[in-house]
Amino acid sequence: MIIPAVAIVAFLAGIGIGFAFSGNSSDESQLQSQSIIQNNDNKPDKLVVAVVPQGDVKKFEAQEQRLEEYFSDKIGIPVEIFYPIDDTTTLASIKSGTTHVAFMSSRPALLANEQNDGNVLAFMADLRPFKTDGGQEILGTSYMSQYWTLKDRNDINSLADMQGKSTAFSGPLSTGGYLFPIAELVNRDMLPSGDDPKEFFDNILFSGGYHQSLIALLNGEVDVAAGDDWAVFTFLTPEEQSRVKIIDSFGPVPTHSAVYKADIVDPETITKFEKAMIDLKEEHPDLLDKALFGATEYVPVNHFEHLQTLIDALDVTKIPHM
């Protein structure tokens, strides 16, 4: 199923990103947010945008100023881009009101909605290459998750063969790098719903990302790794790719989302941000790769339609939604 995409914007005039990490209480942050909304008719004077890391942050920070200038020109107000440490940090800054738009994977996007009383919504999603059951490759807002092992592991050729082995997952909040791989074991009656995955695997390593999981696999630190189907070709050299084999694929998994804080950002600003994201493919396609982690393009989506398969996977696994 292919669905539209979303990107998001939010603001807090006079408050820099550092406020979210300065030790001020969330109550104080919310009071300042409410005051600004009242004084400015819910129209932001500045937009703070978080881009959650999916790789080496230093590579992308070099393009930060270009992306800020592009969005500021398109939207008509100053735009500040920053690359937070992780999803948890980003979620905290969204809740405090110091981050207004965020590019993040789907599970944190759903969690942000829950933590903010439904006021954080995915409005765009990135298009990724997606293979249909017939093998045709198309662009869509969903993709497949996979388990991998090394080609010379003749003892691991199916999901059942993974039992009792060690594995690398991206992290407990990862969508394609943890939740969907676990959901597949539950769907195939290999792991009871609600059980700790450590009941199936001998050892679990939370690596911090798809690239890190693949490197752990290549280095022999784990027997199996999991992640998005595009990760092997994105992060590994041709020689490294030749050493990896796919154990199984499953999905569809919703692609990364752009979310915004709907109780802070006005509809006009969101509309301008959305158009800027669409125009980015034609005007500065290199920024999608160099500043937004290799997205092909972003398209509008409905929050709940885009995240429905994720909601289903959470229901199936009974994994605590943090």
Protein backbone atom coordinates (compact mmCIF):
# COMPACT_ATOMS: atom_id res chain seq x y z
CA MET A 1 0.00 0.00 0.00
CA ILE A 2 1.42 3.38 -1.02
CA ILE A 3 0.33 6.46 0.84
CA PRO A 4 0.98 10.23 0.61
CA ALA A 5 3.62 11.96 2.74
CA VAL A 6 4.06 14.63 5.35
CA ALA A 7 6.54 17.18 6.68
CA ILE A 8 6.09 19.33 9.69
CA VAL A 9 6.77 22.69 11.12
CA ALA A 10 6.67 24.27 14.53
CA PHE A 11 7.91 27.34 16.27
CA LEU A 12 8.72 29.14 19.43
CA ALA A 13 9.70 32.80 18.98
CA GLY A 14 12.58 33.97 21.07
CA ILE A 15 13.50 30.48 22.28
CA GLY A 16 16.56 28.76 20.82
CA ILE A 17 17.14 25.05 20.56
CA GLY A 18 19.33 25.15 23.60
CA PHE A 19 16.29 25.90 25.77
CA ALA A 20 15.14 22.30 25.45
CA PHE A 21 18.35 21.11 27.06
CA SER A 22 18.97 23.98 29.50
CA GLY A 23 17.26 22.42 32.49
CA ASN A 24 14.13 24.66 32.41
CA SER A 25 11.00 22.80 33.44
CA SER A 26 8.50 21.63 30.83
CA ASP A 27 5.80 23.64 32.64
CA GLU A 28 7.80 26.82 32.09
CA SER A 29 8.31 25.91 28.44
CA GLN A 30 4.59 25.35 27.94
CA LEU A 31 3.72 28.65 29.60
CA GLN A 32 6.11 30.49 27.31
CA SER A 33 4.68 28.67 24.29
CA GLN A 34 1.12 29.60 25.23
CA SER A 35 2.11 33.22 25.75
CA ILE A 36 3.73 33.42 22.33
CA ILE A 37 0.72 31.84 20.65
CA GLN A 38 -1.58 34.42 22.20
CA ASN A 39 0.67 37.37 21.33
CA ASN A 40 1.24 36.32 17.72
CA ASP A 41 -2.15 34.88 16.78
CA ASN A 42 -0.64 31.39 16.54
CA LYS A 43 1.72 32.47 13.75
CA PRO A 44 5.40 31.63 14.40
CA ASP A 45 8.19 34.18 13.99
CA LYS A 46 10.79 31.41 13.73
CA LEU A 47 10.65 27.75 12.80
CA VAL A 48 12.91 25.20 14.52
CA VAL A 49 13.35 21.96 12.57
CA ALA A 50 14.98 18.80 13.90
CA VAL A 51 16.46 16.21 11.54
CA VAL A 52 16.97 13.02 13.54
CA PRO A 53 20.25 11.29 12.55
CA GLN A 54 20.14 8.16 10.37
CA GLY A 55 23.88 8.10 9.74
CA ASP A 56 27.06 10.11 10.35
CA VAL A 57 25.73 13.49 11.52
CA LYS A 58 28.91 15.38 10.60
CA LYS A 59 28.33 14.56 6.93
CA PHE A 60 24.93 16.26 7.02
CA GLU A 61 25.66 19.18 9.32
CA ALA A 62 27.91 20.61 6.60
CA GLN A 63 24.76 21.37 4.57
CA GLU A 64 22.80 22.77 7.50
CA GLN A 65 23.18 26.44 6.51
CA ARG A 66 22.09 25.83 2.91
CA LEU A 67 18.97 24.05 4.10
CA GLU A 68 18.19 26.85 6.56
CA GLU A 69 18.56 29.48 3.85
CA TYR A 70 16.37 27.52 1.46
CA PHE A 71 13.50 27.10 3.93
CA SER A 72 13.77 30.64 5.28
CA ASP A 73 13.44 32.04 1.76
CA LYS A 74 10.53 29.77 0.88
CA ILE A 75 8.54 30.22 4.09
CA GLY A 76 9.31 33.87 4.76
CA ILE A 77 10.46 33.50 8.37
CA PRO A 78 13.81 32.40 9.88
CA VAL A 79 14.25 28.63 9.92
CA GLU A 80 16.75 26.92 12.21
CA ILE A 81 17.84 23.34 11.42
CA PHE A 82 19.52 21.11 13.98
CA TYR A 83 20.57 17.47 14.23
CA PRO A 84 19.62 16.11 17.67
CA ILE A 85 21.40 13.28 19.43
CA ASP A 86 18.59 10.75 19.10
CA ASP A 87 14.82 10.19 19.05
CA THR A 88 14.43 10.57 22.81
CA THR A 89 16.07 13.99 22.78
CA THR A 90 13.89 15.06 19.86
CA LEU A 91 10.68 13.89 21.51
CA ALA A 92 11.54 15.88 24.63
CA SER A 93 12.17 19.05 22.61
CA ILE A 94 8.91 18.62 20.69
CA LYS A 95 6.96 18.21 23.92
CA SER A 96 8.57 21.31 25.44
CA GLY A 97 7.64 23.32 22.34
CA THR A 98 11.21 24.21 21.38
CA THR A 99 11.09 22.03 18.24
CA HIS A 100 8.26 22.68 15.82
CA VAL A 101 8.93 20.36 12.89
CA ALA A 102 10.90 17.12 12.91
CA PHE A 103 12.08 14.57 10.39
CA MET A 104 12.04 11.18 12.14
CA SER A 105 11.23 7.53 11.66
CA SER A 106 7.64 6.41 11.98
CA ARG A 107 7.57 4.95 15.49
CA PRO A 108 8.86 8.13 17.16
CA ALA A 109 6.39 10.08 14.99
CA LEU A 110 3.52 8.01 16.39
CA LEU A 111 4.89 8.38 19.91
CA ALA A 112 5.15 12.16 19.49
CA ASN A 113 1.46 12.22 18.61
CA GLU A 114 0.60 10.28 21.76
CA GLN A 115 2.83 12.35 24.03
CA ASN A 116 1.33 15.63 22.81
CA ASP A 117 -2.40 14.82 23.06
CA GLY A 118 -2.70 14.30 19.31
CA ASN A 119 -1.23 17.72 18.50
CA VAL A 120 1.81 16.36 16.63
CA LEU A 121 0.95 15.06 13.18
CA ALA A 122 2.88 13.53 10.31
CA PHE A 123 2.12 15.58 7.21
CA MET A 124 4.77 14.31 4.78
CA ALA A 125 6.73 11.11 4.22
CA ASP A 126 9.71 10.30 2.06
CA LEU A 127 9.50 8.16 -1.05
CA ARG A 128 11.78 5.12 -1.15
CA PRO A 129 12.35 2.40 -3.75
CA PHE A 130 9.91 -0.41 -3.00
CA LYS A 131 9.65 -3.86 -4.61
CA THR A 132 6.21 -5.32 -5.19
CA ASP A 133 5.46 -9.03 -4.75
CA GLY A 134 6.01 -9.39 -8.50
CA GLY A 135 9.50 -7.93 -8.24
CA GLN A 136 8.64 -4.57 -9.83
CA GLU A 137 10.46 -1.60 -8.27
CA ILE A 138 8.39 1.49 -7.61
CA LEU A 139 8.64 4.56 -5.37
CA GLY A 140 6.36 4.55 -2.37
CA THR A 141 5.87 5.67 1.21
CA SER A 142 6.39 2.12 2.41
CA TYR A 143 9.25 -0.35 2.09
CA MET A 144 10.29 -3.77 3.32
CA SER A 145 12.20 -4.68 6.46
CA GLN A 146 14.69 -7.55 6.35
CA TYR A 147 16.80 -9.96 8.37
CA TRP A 148 20.35 -10.46 7.05
CA THR A 149 23.23 -12.82 7.69
CA LEU A 150 26.52 -13.53 5.92
CA LYS A 151 26.52 -15.59 2.73
CA ASP A 152 28.98 -18.06 4.21
CA ARG A 153 26.57 -18.90 7.05
CA ASN A 154 25.11 -22.10 5.63
CA ASP A 155 23.39 -22.77 8.95
CA ILE A 156 21.12 -19.72 8.67
CA ASN A 157 18.71 -19.78 5.72
CA SER A 158 15.32 -19.07 7.30
CA LEU A 159 13.77 -17.23 10.23
CA ALA A 160 13.55 -20.52 12.14
CA ASP A 161 17.33 -20.92 11.77
CA MET A 162 17.84 -17.66 13.68
CA GLN A 163 16.53 -19.10 16.95
CA GLY A 164 19.25 -19.18 19.59
CA LYS A 165 21.51 -16.91 17.53
CA SER A 166 22.72 -13.38 18.30
CA THR A 167 21.27 -10.40 16.43
CA ALA A 168 21.76 -6.65 15.97
CA PHE A 169 18.78 -4.29 16.00
CA SER A 170 18.98 -0.51 15.58
CA GLY A 171 17.28 0.33 18.85
CA PRO A 172 14.09 -0.25 20.85
CA LEU A 173 12.31 2.65 19.08
CA SER A 174 13.35 1.62 15.57
CA THR A 175 10.52 0.76 13.18
CA GLY A 176 12.21 -1.26 10.42
CA GLY A 177 15.21 -2.11 12.58
CA TYR A 178 13.34 -3.66 15.54
CA LEU A 179 9.54 -3.49 15.71
CA PHE A 180 8.68 -5.02 12.32
CA PRO A 181 11.36 -7.75 12.54
CA ILE A 182 9.93 -8.78 15.93
CA ALA A 183 6.35 -8.55 14.61
CA GLU A 184 7.25 -11.01 11.84
CA LEU A 185 8.40 -13.58 14.39
CA VAL A 186 5.08 -13.16 16.21
CA ASN A 187 3.07 -13.40 12.96
CA ARG A 188 4.82 -16.69 12.16
CA ASP A 189 4.17 -18.13 15.63
CA MET A 190 7.89 -18.20 16.49
CA LEU A 191 7.54 -15.79 19.39
CA PRO A 192 4.41 -15.42 21.55
CA SER A 193 2.88 -11.95 21.53
CA GLY A 194 4.18 -9.97 24.48
CA ASP A 195 7.23 -12.18 25.06
CA ASP A 196 10.71 -10.72 25.36
CA PRO A 197 12.59 -11.27 22.05
CA LYS A 198 15.47 -12.57 24.16
CA GLU A 199 13.37 -15.71 24.53
CA PHE A 200 14.02 -16.31 20.81
CA PHE A 201 17.52 -14.87 20.34
CA ASP A 202 20.55 -15.83 22.38
CA ASN A 203 21.74 -12.22 22.57
CA ILE A 204 20.49 -8.84 21.29
CA LEU A 205 22.72 -5.89 20.43
CA PHE A 206 21.13 -2.44 20.04
CA SER A 207 23.64 -0.93 17.64
CA GLY A 208 22.25 2.59 17.16
CA GLY A 209 21.46 2.38 13.43
CA TYR A 210 21.19 0.24 10.30
CA HIS A 211 24.78 0.93 9.28
CA GLN A 212 26.09 0.00 12.69
CA SER A 213 24.04 -3.24 12.67
CA LEU A 214 25.45 -4.21 9.29
CA ILE A 215 29.01 -3.47 10.40
CA ALA A 216 28.48 -5.64 13.51
CA LEU A 217 27.33 -8.44 11.20
CA LEU A 218 30.29 -8.04 8.84
CA ASN A 219 32.70 -7.99 11.78
CA GLY A 220 31.31 -11.24 13.17
CA GLU A 221 29.96 -9.62 16.34
CA VAL A 222 26.47 -11.02 15.66
CA ASP A 223 24.98 -13.84 13.59
CA VAL A 224 22.04 -11.84 12.25
CA ALA A 225 21.10 -8.18 11.70
CA ALA A 226 17.84 -6.43 10.81
CA GLY A 227 16.88 -3.20 9.07
CA ASP A 228 15.34 -1.53 6.04
CA ASP A 229 15.77 -3.14 2.62
CA TRP A 230 17.57 -0.08 1.24
CA ALA A 231 20.21 -0.02 3.98
CA VAL A 232 22.57 -2.62 2.43
CA PHE A 233 22.90 -0.67 -0.81
CA THR A 234 23.01 2.70 0.93
CA PHE A 235 25.66 2.07 3.57
CA LEU A 236 27.87 -0.77 2.28
CA THR A 237 30.51 -0.92 -0.43
CA PRO A 238 29.97 -3.35 -3.34
CA GLU A 239 32.46 -5.76 -1.75
CA GLU A 240 30.62 -5.61 1.59
CA GLN A 241 27.26 -6.05 -0.14
CA SER A 242 28.53 -9.24 -1.78
CA ARG A 243 29.07 -10.79 1.67
CA VAL A 244 25.48 -10.23 2.89
CA LYS A 245 22.45 -12.40 2.14
CA ILE A 246 18.79 -11.74 2.86
CA ILE A 247 17.14 -14.26 5.17
CA ASP A 248 13.63 -12.87 4.67
CA SER A 249 11.71 -9.66 3.86
CA PHE A 250 8.43 -8.39 5.34
CA GLY A 251 6.29 -5.29 5.58
CA PRO A 252 5.10 -2.86 4.36
CA VAL A 253 6.84 -0.49 6.75
CA PRO A 254 5.92 3.23 6.68
CA THR A 255 8.79 5.44 5.59
CA HIS A 256 10.29 8.28 7.63
CA SER A 257 7.92 11.13 8.40
CA ALA A 258 7.98 14.86 8.73
CA VAL A 259 5.84 15.94 11.68
CA TYR A 260 4.74 19.30 13.03
CA LYS A 261 3.28 20.66 16.25
CA ALA A 262 -0.23 21.55 15.19
CA ASP A 263 -1.05 23.48 18.37
CA ILE A 264 1.80 25.92 17.71
CA VAL A 265 2.22 26.21 13.94
CA ASP A 266 -0.45 27.89 11.83
CA PRO A 267 -1.87 26.20 8.68
CA GLU A 268 -0.36 28.80 6.33
CA THR A 269 3.15 28.12 7.57
CA ILE A 270 2.65 24.36 7.29
CA THR A 271 1.37 24.75 3.73
CA LYS A 272 4.44 26.80 2.79
CA PHE A 273 6.76 24.25 4.38
CA GLU A 274 5.05 21.41 2.52
CA LYS A 275 5.42 23.21 -0.81
CA ALA A 276 9.08 23.93 -0.04
CA MET A 277 9.67 20.22 0.55
CA ILE A 278 8.02 19.34 -2.76
CA ASP A 279 10.03 22.00 -4.62
CA LEU A 280 13.28 20.79 -3.03
CA LYS A 281 13.47 17.83 -5.42
CA GLU A 282 13.61 20.11 -8.45
CA GLU A 283 15.50 23.07 -7.02
CA HIS A 284 18.09 21.42 -4.75
CA PRO A 285 17.90 17.61 -5.05
CA ASP A 286 21.40 17.30 -3.58
CA LEU A 287 20.09 18.56 -0.23
CA LEU A 288 17.78 15.56 0.03
CA ASP A 289 20.87 13.37 -0.01
CA LYS A 290 23.35 15.62 1.79
CA ALA A 291 21.10 17.12 4.48
CA LEU A 292 18.03 14.88 4.72
CA PHE A 293 19.66 11.44 4.70
CA GLY A 294 19.17 10.34 1.12
CA ALA A 295 15.42 10.73 0.65
CA THR A 296 14.24 10.58 -2.96
CA GLU A 297 11.57 13.18 -2.26
CA TYR A 298 8.84 13.98 0.27
CA VAL A 299 5.11 13.83 -0.47
CA PRO A 300 2.00 14.74 1.58
CA VAL A 301 0.41 12.02 3.73
CA ASN A 302 -2.41 11.49 6.19
CA HIS A 303 -0.97 10.82 9.65
CA PHE A 304 -3.01 7.75 10.57
CA GLU A 305 -3.18 6.20 7.10
CA HIS A 306 0.59 6.43 6.79
CA LEU A 307 1.20 4.88 10.22
CA GLN A 308 -1.52 2.21 10.23
CA THR A 309 0.77 -0.79 9.61
CA LEU A 310 2.97 0.48 12.44
CA ILE A 311 -0.03 0.64 14.77
CA ASP A 312 -0.89 -2.94 13.74
CA ALA A 313 2.67 -4.14 14.45
CA LEU A 314 2.57 -2.61 17.93
CA ASP A 315 -0.74 -4.35 18.61
CA VAL A 316 0.65 -7.69 17.45
CA THR A 317 3.93 -7.59 19.39
CA LYS A 318 2.61 -5.98 22.57
CA ILE A 319 5.99 -4.23 22.72
CA PRO A 320 5.64 -1.35 25.20
CA HIS A 321 5.31 1.90 23.26
CA MET A 322 7.81 3.54 25.63
